[in-house]
Amino acid sequence: MTKKKYRRYSPEFKRHALRRASEDGVTDREVCKDLGVSERQLRRWRDQFRLVGDEAFPGVNISRDEELNDLRKRLAKAEQERDFLRDAAVFFAKESK
């Protein structure tokens, strides 16, 4: 059994799809066929937008620089933890001999 890969859509793409679907004379089916998304997915996006409004799709307000800095900090912390665990493993391996 293979693991299904889910496609991630940007917040801009989701908003674009919702704008197109709300145009007069355009059906959800047409929009979904053009964009390659399921009607169920479009309904989920619409429901989420109705519930939360402009904050429906996270990531819109975070700039790439802020996100990159956050990821760098998280990577540095993970590397420190890895190095600590590596040193601890070496220490305990020597102790057990």
N, C-alpha and C. Protein backbone atom coordinates (compact mmCIF):
# COMPACT_ATOMS: atom_id res chain seq x y z
N MET A 1 0.84 -1.18 0.00
CA MET A 1 0.00 0.00 0.00
C MET A 1 0.88 1.24 0.00
N THR A 2 0.66 2.14 -0.94
CA THR A 2 1.47 3.33 -1.03
C THR A 2 0.81 4.50 -0.30
N LYS A 3 1.63 5.35 0.22
CA LYS A 3 1.12 6.51 0.94
C LYS A 3 0.71 7.58 -0.07
N LYS A 4 -0.50 8.10 0.10
CA LYS A 4 -1.00 9.12 -0.81
C LYS A 4 -0.32 10.45 -0.50
N LYS A 5 0.17 11.10 -1.54
CA LYS A 5 0.80 12.40 -1.37
C LYS A 5 -0.26 13.47 -1.56
N TYR A 6 -0.36 14.32 -0.56
CA TYR A 6 -1.31 15.41 -0.62
C TYR A 6 -0.64 16.65 -1.18
N ARG A 7 -1.37 17.34 -2.00
CA ARG A 7 -0.85 18.56 -2.59
C ARG A 7 -1.20 19.73 -1.69
N ARG A 8 -0.27 20.61 -1.48
CA ARG A 8 -0.51 21.80 -0.67
C ARG A 8 -0.70 22.99 -1.60
N TYR A 9 -1.68 23.77 -1.28
CA TYR A 9 -1.98 24.95 -2.08
C TYR A 9 -1.67 26.20 -1.28
N SER A 10 -1.15 27.19 -1.95
CA SER A 10 -0.82 28.45 -1.27
C SER A 10 -2.10 29.20 -0.92
N PRO A 11 -2.01 30.05 0.08
CA PRO A 11 -3.18 30.87 0.43
C PRO A 11 -3.67 31.71 -0.75
N GLU A 12 -2.74 32.19 -1.57
CA GLU A 12 -3.12 32.99 -2.73
C GLU A 12 -3.93 32.15 -3.71
N PHE A 13 -3.52 30.91 -3.92
CA PHE A 13 -4.23 30.01 -4.82
C PHE A 13 -5.65 29.78 -4.32
N LYS A 14 -5.79 29.55 -3.01
CA LYS A 14 -7.11 29.30 -2.43
C LYS A 14 -8.02 30.51 -2.59
N ARG A 15 -7.47 31.69 -2.34
CA ARG A 15 -8.27 32.91 -2.49
C ARG A 15 -8.67 33.13 -3.94
N HIS A 16 -7.74 32.84 -4.85
CA HIS A 16 -8.02 32.97 -6.28
C HIS A 16 -9.16 32.02 -6.68
N ALA A 17 -9.11 30.80 -6.20
CA ALA A 17 -10.16 29.83 -6.51
C ALA A 17 -11.51 30.30 -5.99
N LEU A 18 -11.53 30.82 -4.77
CA LEU A 18 -12.78 31.30 -4.19
C LEU A 18 -13.32 32.52 -4.94
N ARG A 19 -12.43 33.41 -5.37
CA ARG A 19 -12.86 34.57 -6.15
C ARG A 19 -13.49 34.13 -7.47
N ARG A 20 -12.82 33.20 -8.15
CA ARG A 20 -13.35 32.72 -9.43
C ARG A 20 -14.68 32.02 -9.25
N ALA A 21 -14.82 31.25 -8.18
CA ALA A 21 -16.06 30.52 -7.94
C ALA A 21 -17.21 31.46 -7.59
N SER A 22 -16.90 32.65 -7.10
CA SER A 22 -17.96 33.59 -6.72
C SER A 22 -18.39 34.49 -7.87
N GLU A 23 -17.74 34.40 -9.01
CA GLU A 23 -18.11 35.21 -10.17
C GLU A 23 -19.46 34.75 -10.72
N ASP A 24 -20.19 35.70 -11.30
CA ASP A 24 -21.48 35.37 -11.90
C ASP A 24 -21.28 34.49 -13.14
N GLY A 25 -22.12 33.49 -13.26
CA GLY A 25 -22.10 32.62 -14.43
C GLY A 25 -21.03 31.55 -14.41
N VAL A 26 -20.30 31.44 -13.32
CA VAL A 26 -19.24 30.44 -13.20
C VAL A 26 -19.65 29.43 -12.14
N THR A 27 -19.60 28.16 -12.47
CA THR A 27 -19.96 27.13 -11.51
C THR A 27 -18.72 26.62 -10.79
N ASP A 28 -18.96 26.04 -9.64
CA ASP A 28 -17.85 25.43 -8.88
C ASP A 28 -17.18 24.34 -9.70
N ARG A 29 -17.96 23.58 -10.41
CA ARG A 29 -17.42 22.48 -11.21
C ARG A 29 -16.44 22.99 -12.25
N GLU A 30 -16.78 24.10 -12.90
CA GLU A 30 -15.88 24.67 -13.92
C GLU A 30 -14.57 25.14 -13.30
N VAL A 31 -14.68 25.81 -12.18
CA VAL A 31 -13.48 26.31 -11.49
C VAL A 31 -12.59 25.14 -11.07
N CYS A 32 -13.20 24.13 -10.50
CA CYS A 32 -12.43 22.97 -10.03
C CYS A 32 -11.75 22.25 -11.18
N LYS A 33 -12.46 22.13 -12.27
CA LYS A 33 -11.87 21.46 -13.43
C LYS A 33 -10.70 22.27 -13.98
N ASP A 34 -10.86 23.59 -14.05
CA ASP A 34 -9.79 24.45 -14.56
C ASP A 34 -8.56 24.44 -13.67
N LEU A 35 -8.78 24.43 -12.36
CA LEU A 35 -7.67 24.53 -11.42
C LEU A 35 -7.13 23.19 -10.95
N GLY A 36 -7.86 22.12 -11.23
CA GLY A 36 -7.39 20.80 -10.84
C GLY A 36 -7.58 20.47 -9.37
N VAL A 37 -8.65 20.98 -8.78
CA VAL A 37 -8.97 20.66 -7.39
C VAL A 37 -10.35 20.02 -7.35
N SER A 38 -10.64 19.31 -6.27
CA SER A 38 -11.94 18.67 -6.16
C SER A 38 -12.97 19.68 -5.65
N GLU A 39 -14.22 19.39 -5.97
CA GLU A 39 -15.29 20.27 -5.50
C GLU A 39 -15.37 20.23 -3.98
N ARG A 40 -15.09 19.09 -3.41
CA ARG A 40 -15.11 18.95 -1.95
C ARG A 40 -14.06 19.87 -1.32
N GLN A 41 -12.88 19.92 -1.93
CA GLN A 41 -11.82 20.79 -1.41
C GLN A 41 -12.23 22.25 -1.50
N LEU A 42 -12.84 22.63 -2.60
CA LEU A 42 -13.29 24.01 -2.76
C LEU A 42 -14.34 24.36 -1.71
N ARG A 43 -15.23 23.43 -1.41
CA ARG A 43 -16.24 23.67 -0.38
C ARG A 43 -15.59 23.85 0.99
N ARG A 44 -14.56 23.05 1.27
CA ARG A 44 -13.85 23.19 2.54
C ARG A 44 -13.23 24.57 2.67
N TRP A 45 -12.58 25.02 1.58
CA TRP A 45 -11.96 26.34 1.61
C TRP A 45 -13.02 27.42 1.82
N ARG A 46 -14.15 27.28 1.15
CA ARG A 46 -15.23 28.26 1.28
C ARG A 46 -15.76 28.28 2.71
N ASP A 47 -15.96 27.10 3.29
CA ASP A 47 -16.45 27.03 4.67
C ASP A 47 -15.45 27.65 5.64
N GLN A 48 -14.18 27.34 5.43
CA GLN A 48 -13.15 27.89 6.30
C GLN A 48 -13.11 29.41 6.18
N PHE A 49 -13.24 29.93 4.97
CA PHE A 49 -13.22 31.37 4.76
C PHE A 49 -14.43 32.03 5.40
N ARG A 50 -15.59 31.39 5.32
CA ARG A 50 -16.80 31.94 5.94
C ARG A 50 -16.68 31.98 7.46
N LEU A 51 -16.07 30.97 8.04
CA LEU A 51 -15.95 30.90 9.49
C LEU A 51 -14.92 31.89 10.04
N VAL A 52 -13.77 31.96 9.40
CA VAL A 52 -12.66 32.72 9.97
C VAL A 52 -12.45 34.06 9.27
N GLY A 53 -12.86 34.18 8.04
CA GLY A 53 -12.68 35.43 7.31
C GLY A 53 -11.29 35.54 6.70
N ASP A 54 -10.72 36.74 6.77
CA ASP A 54 -9.42 36.98 6.13
C ASP A 54 -8.27 36.19 6.75
N GLU A 55 -8.46 35.70 7.96
CA GLU A 55 -7.41 34.92 8.62
C GLU A 55 -7.57 33.42 8.37
N ALA A 56 -8.38 33.08 7.37
CA ALA A 56 -8.72 31.68 7.12
C ALA A 56 -7.52 30.84 6.71
N PHE A 57 -6.63 31.40 5.95
CA PHE A 57 -5.51 30.62 5.43
C PHE A 57 -4.22 31.16 6.01
N PRO A 58 -3.68 30.49 7.02
CA PRO A 58 -2.48 30.99 7.67
C PRO A 58 -1.29 31.06 6.71
N GLY A 59 -0.38 31.91 7.05
CA GLY A 59 0.81 32.05 6.22
C GLY A 59 0.76 33.27 5.33
N VAL A 60 -0.37 33.91 5.24
CA VAL A 60 -0.51 35.07 4.37
C VAL A 60 0.26 36.25 4.92
N ASN A 61 0.21 36.46 6.22
CA ASN A 61 0.81 37.64 6.82
C ASN A 61 2.27 37.46 7.20
N ILE A 62 2.80 36.27 7.08
CA ILE A 62 4.19 36.01 7.44
C ILE A 62 5.05 36.21 6.20
N SER A 63 6.02 37.10 6.32
CA SER A 63 6.90 37.33 5.18
C SER A 63 7.88 36.16 5.06
N ARG A 64 8.42 36.01 3.89
CA ARG A 64 9.39 34.93 3.66
C ARG A 64 10.62 35.08 4.54
N ASP A 65 11.05 36.31 4.76
CA ASP A 65 12.23 36.54 5.60
C ASP A 65 11.97 36.11 7.04
N GLU A 66 10.79 36.45 7.56
CA GLU A 66 10.46 36.04 8.93
C GLU A 66 10.38 34.53 9.03
N GLU A 67 9.77 33.91 8.04
CA GLU A 67 9.65 32.46 8.05
C GLU A 67 11.03 31.81 7.96
N LEU A 68 11.89 32.36 7.10
CA LEU A 68 13.24 31.83 6.94
C LEU A 68 14.04 31.96 8.23
N ASN A 69 13.92 33.10 8.90
CA ASN A 69 14.62 33.29 10.17
C ASN A 69 14.12 32.31 11.22
N ASP A 70 12.82 32.10 11.27
CA ASP A 70 12.25 31.14 12.23
C ASP A 70 12.76 29.74 11.95
N LEU A 71 12.79 29.36 10.69
CA LEU A 71 13.28 28.02 10.33
C LEU A 71 14.76 27.85 10.65
N ARG A 72 15.53 28.90 10.45
CA ARG A 72 16.96 28.84 10.79
C ARG A 72 17.17 28.64 12.29
N LYS A 73 16.38 29.37 13.10
CA LYS A 73 16.48 29.21 14.56
C LYS A 73 16.12 27.80 14.97
N ARG A 74 15.05 27.26 14.39
CA ARG A 74 14.62 25.91 14.73
C ARG A 74 15.67 24.88 14.30
N LEU A 75 16.31 25.11 13.15
CA LEU A 75 17.35 24.20 12.69
C LEU A 75 18.56 24.23 13.63
N ALA A 76 18.94 25.43 14.04
CA ALA A 76 20.08 25.55 14.95
C ALA A 76 19.80 24.84 16.27
N LYS A 77 18.59 24.97 16.78
CA LYS A 77 18.23 24.29 18.02
C LYS A 77 18.27 22.78 17.84
N ALA A 78 17.73 22.30 16.72
CA ALA A 78 17.73 20.86 16.44
C ALA A 78 19.15 20.32 16.31
N GLU A 79 20.03 21.11 15.69
CA GLU A 79 21.43 20.69 15.57
C GLU A 79 22.11 20.62 16.93
N GLN A 80 21.83 21.58 17.82
CA GLN A 80 22.40 21.55 19.17
C GLN A 80 21.92 20.31 19.92
N GLU A 81 20.65 20.02 19.81
CA GLU A 81 20.10 18.83 20.48
C GLU A 81 20.74 17.56 19.93
N ARG A 82 20.90 17.51 18.61
CA ARG A 82 21.53 16.34 17.99
C ARG A 82 22.95 16.16 18.51
N ASP A 83 23.72 17.25 18.54
CA ASP A 83 25.10 17.17 19.00
C ASP A 83 25.18 16.74 20.47
N PHE A 84 24.28 17.27 21.29
CA PHE A 84 24.25 16.88 22.70
C PHE A 84 23.96 15.39 22.84
N LEU A 85 22.98 14.89 22.09
CA LEU A 85 22.65 13.47 22.18
C LEU A 85 23.78 12.59 21.66
N ARG A 86 24.48 13.06 20.65
CA ARG A 86 25.63 12.30 20.12
C ARG A 86 26.72 12.22 21.18
N ASP A 87 27.00 13.34 21.84
CA ASP A 87 28.03 13.35 22.89
C ASP A 87 27.61 12.47 24.07
N ALA A 88 26.34 12.52 24.42
CA ALA A 88 25.85 11.70 25.53
C ALA A 88 25.98 10.22 25.19
N ALA A 89 25.68 9.85 23.94
CA ALA A 89 25.78 8.45 23.54
C ALA A 89 27.23 7.97 23.62
N VAL A 90 28.17 8.82 23.22
CA VAL A 90 29.59 8.46 23.30
C VAL A 90 30.01 8.32 24.76
N PHE A 91 29.58 9.24 25.61
CA PHE A 91 29.91 9.19 27.02
C PHE A 91 29.41 7.90 27.66
N PHE A 92 28.15 7.56 27.44
CA PHE A 92 27.59 6.38 28.06
C PHE A 92 28.14 5.09 27.45
N ALA A 93 28.57 5.13 26.20
CA ALA A 93 29.19 3.96 25.61
C ALA A 93 30.53 3.69 26.27
N LYS A 94 31.28 4.74 26.61
CA LYS A 94 32.56 4.58 27.29
C LYS A 94 32.36 4.09 28.73
N GLU A 95 31.33 4.58 29.39
CA GLU A 95 31.02 4.20 30.77
C GLU A 95 30.63 2.74 30.89
N SER A 96 29.98 2.21 29.88
CA SER A 96 29.48 0.85 29.97
C SER A 96 30.57 -0.21 29.73
N LYS A 97 31.73 0.22 29.27
CA LYS A 97 32.82 -0.73 29.00
C LYS A 97 33.55 -1.13 30.23
